Amino acid sequence: MSISISIEDIDEVTAQWIYQEAEQRGMSVEMFVLQLIQKGISLERQEAQPQAYHDLDSLAGTWTEEQAAEFLKTIIDFEQIDEKLWQ
């Protein structure tokens, strides 16, 4: 299915650039503009995807079992509720 879209109010410089680029590439203006739109959509989709960060990867899994046990032992007090604070 073919759909037509009109774009109005394109400035002179942009229009000239589009025509020149299409001619240099041996393409119709319509095909060149379609490629520009498709590339723009592709870039937008890539930017919209959540980025995975790896800046803390070197720290993951570096504790020994003894170190982990010591840490958990140290923070055990944080697990207890102070009833006086909730009255």
Protein backbone atom coordinates (compact mmCIF):
# COMPACT_ATOMS: atom_id res chain seq x y z
CA MET A 1 0.00 0.00 0.00
CA SER A 2 1.38 3.37 -0.98
CA ILE A 3 0.71 6.44 1.13
CA SER A 4 1.55 9.99 0.12
CA ILE A 5 2.65 12.65 2.59
CA SER A 6 3.11 16.32 1.73
CA ILE A 7 5.52 18.52 3.62
CA GLU A 8 4.89 22.23 3.48
CA ASP A 9 7.02 25.26 4.35
CA ILE A 10 10.44 23.75 3.67
CA ASP A 11 12.99 26.52 3.59
CA GLU A 12 14.92 27.21 0.39
CA VAL A 13 18.29 25.97 1.68
CA THR A 14 16.86 22.65 2.84
CA ALA A 15 14.95 22.12 -0.40
CA GLN A 16 18.06 22.84 -2.48
CA TRP A 17 20.12 20.45 -0.38
CA ILE A 18 17.53 17.69 -0.82
CA TYR A 19 17.41 18.14 -4.59
CA GLN A 20 21.22 18.24 -4.88
CA GLU A 21 21.75 15.16 -2.71
CA ALA A 22 19.10 13.19 -4.57
CA GLU A 23 20.67 14.11 -7.91
CA GLN A 24 24.19 13.23 -6.73
CA ARG A 25 22.97 9.84 -5.57
CA GLY A 26 21.01 9.21 -8.76
CA MET A 27 17.74 8.97 -6.89
CA SER A 28 14.38 10.58 -7.11
CA VAL A 29 13.71 13.29 -4.54
CA GLU A 30 10.88 11.16 -3.15
CA MET A 31 13.12 8.11 -2.67
CA PHE A 32 15.86 10.19 -1.08
CA VAL A 33 13.45 11.84 1.37
CA LEU A 34 11.97 8.42 2.19
CA GLN A 35 15.47 7.13 3.03
CA LEU A 36 16.10 10.17 5.24
CA ILE A 37 12.85 9.55 7.11
CA GLN A 38 13.60 5.83 7.55
CA LYS A 39 17.11 6.57 8.87
CA GLY A 40 15.69 9.17 11.24
CA ILE A 41 13.11 6.72 12.56
CA SER A 42 15.80 4.09 13.06
CA LEU A 43 17.94 6.53 15.06
CA GLU A 44 14.96 7.58 17.19
CA ARG A 45 14.15 3.96 17.97
CA GLN A 46 17.74 3.24 18.97
CA GLU A 47 17.82 6.25 21.30
CA ALA A 48 14.47 5.27 22.82
CA GLN A 49 15.77 1.85 23.89
CA PRO A 50 17.01 1.73 27.46
CA GLN A 51 20.76 1.88 27.67
CA ALA A 52 22.60 -0.82 29.59
CA TYR A 53 25.27 0.50 31.90
CA HIS A 54 28.31 -1.54 32.80
CA ASP A 55 30.18 0.87 35.07
CA LEU A 56 29.70 -1.31 38.17
CA ASP A 57 30.21 -4.69 36.51
CA SER A 58 33.71 -5.05 37.94
CA LEU A 59 32.24 -4.95 41.45
CA ALA A 60 29.59 -7.61 40.92
CA GLY A 61 30.43 -10.95 42.44
CA THR A 62 33.78 -9.85 43.86
CA TRP A 63 33.05 -10.61 47.52
CA THR A 64 34.09 -13.88 49.02
CA GLU A 65 31.51 -15.80 51.02
CA GLU A 66 33.24 -14.65 54.20
CA GLN A 67 33.06 -11.00 53.17
CA ALA A 68 29.36 -11.32 52.30
CA ALA A 69 28.64 -13.00 55.62
CA GLU A 70 30.52 -10.27 57.50
CA PHE A 71 28.55 -7.58 55.67
CA LEU A 72 25.21 -9.23 56.44
CA LYS A 73 26.26 -9.62 60.08
CA THR A 74 27.15 -5.91 60.22
CA ILE A 75 23.80 -4.71 58.87
CA ILE A 76 21.59 -7.12 60.86
CA ASP A 77 20.53 -4.26 63.16
CA PHE A 78 18.87 -2.53 60.21
CA GLU A 79 16.45 -5.46 59.94
CA GLN A 80 14.96 -4.80 63.38
CA ILE A 81 12.06 -2.39 63.92
CA ASP A 82 12.31 0.09 66.78
CA GLU A 83 8.82 -0.03 68.27
CA LYS A 84 9.34 3.33 70.04
CA LEU A 85 9.68 5.09 66.70
CA TRP A 86 6.28 3.79 65.57
CA GLN A 87 4.26 5.02 68.55
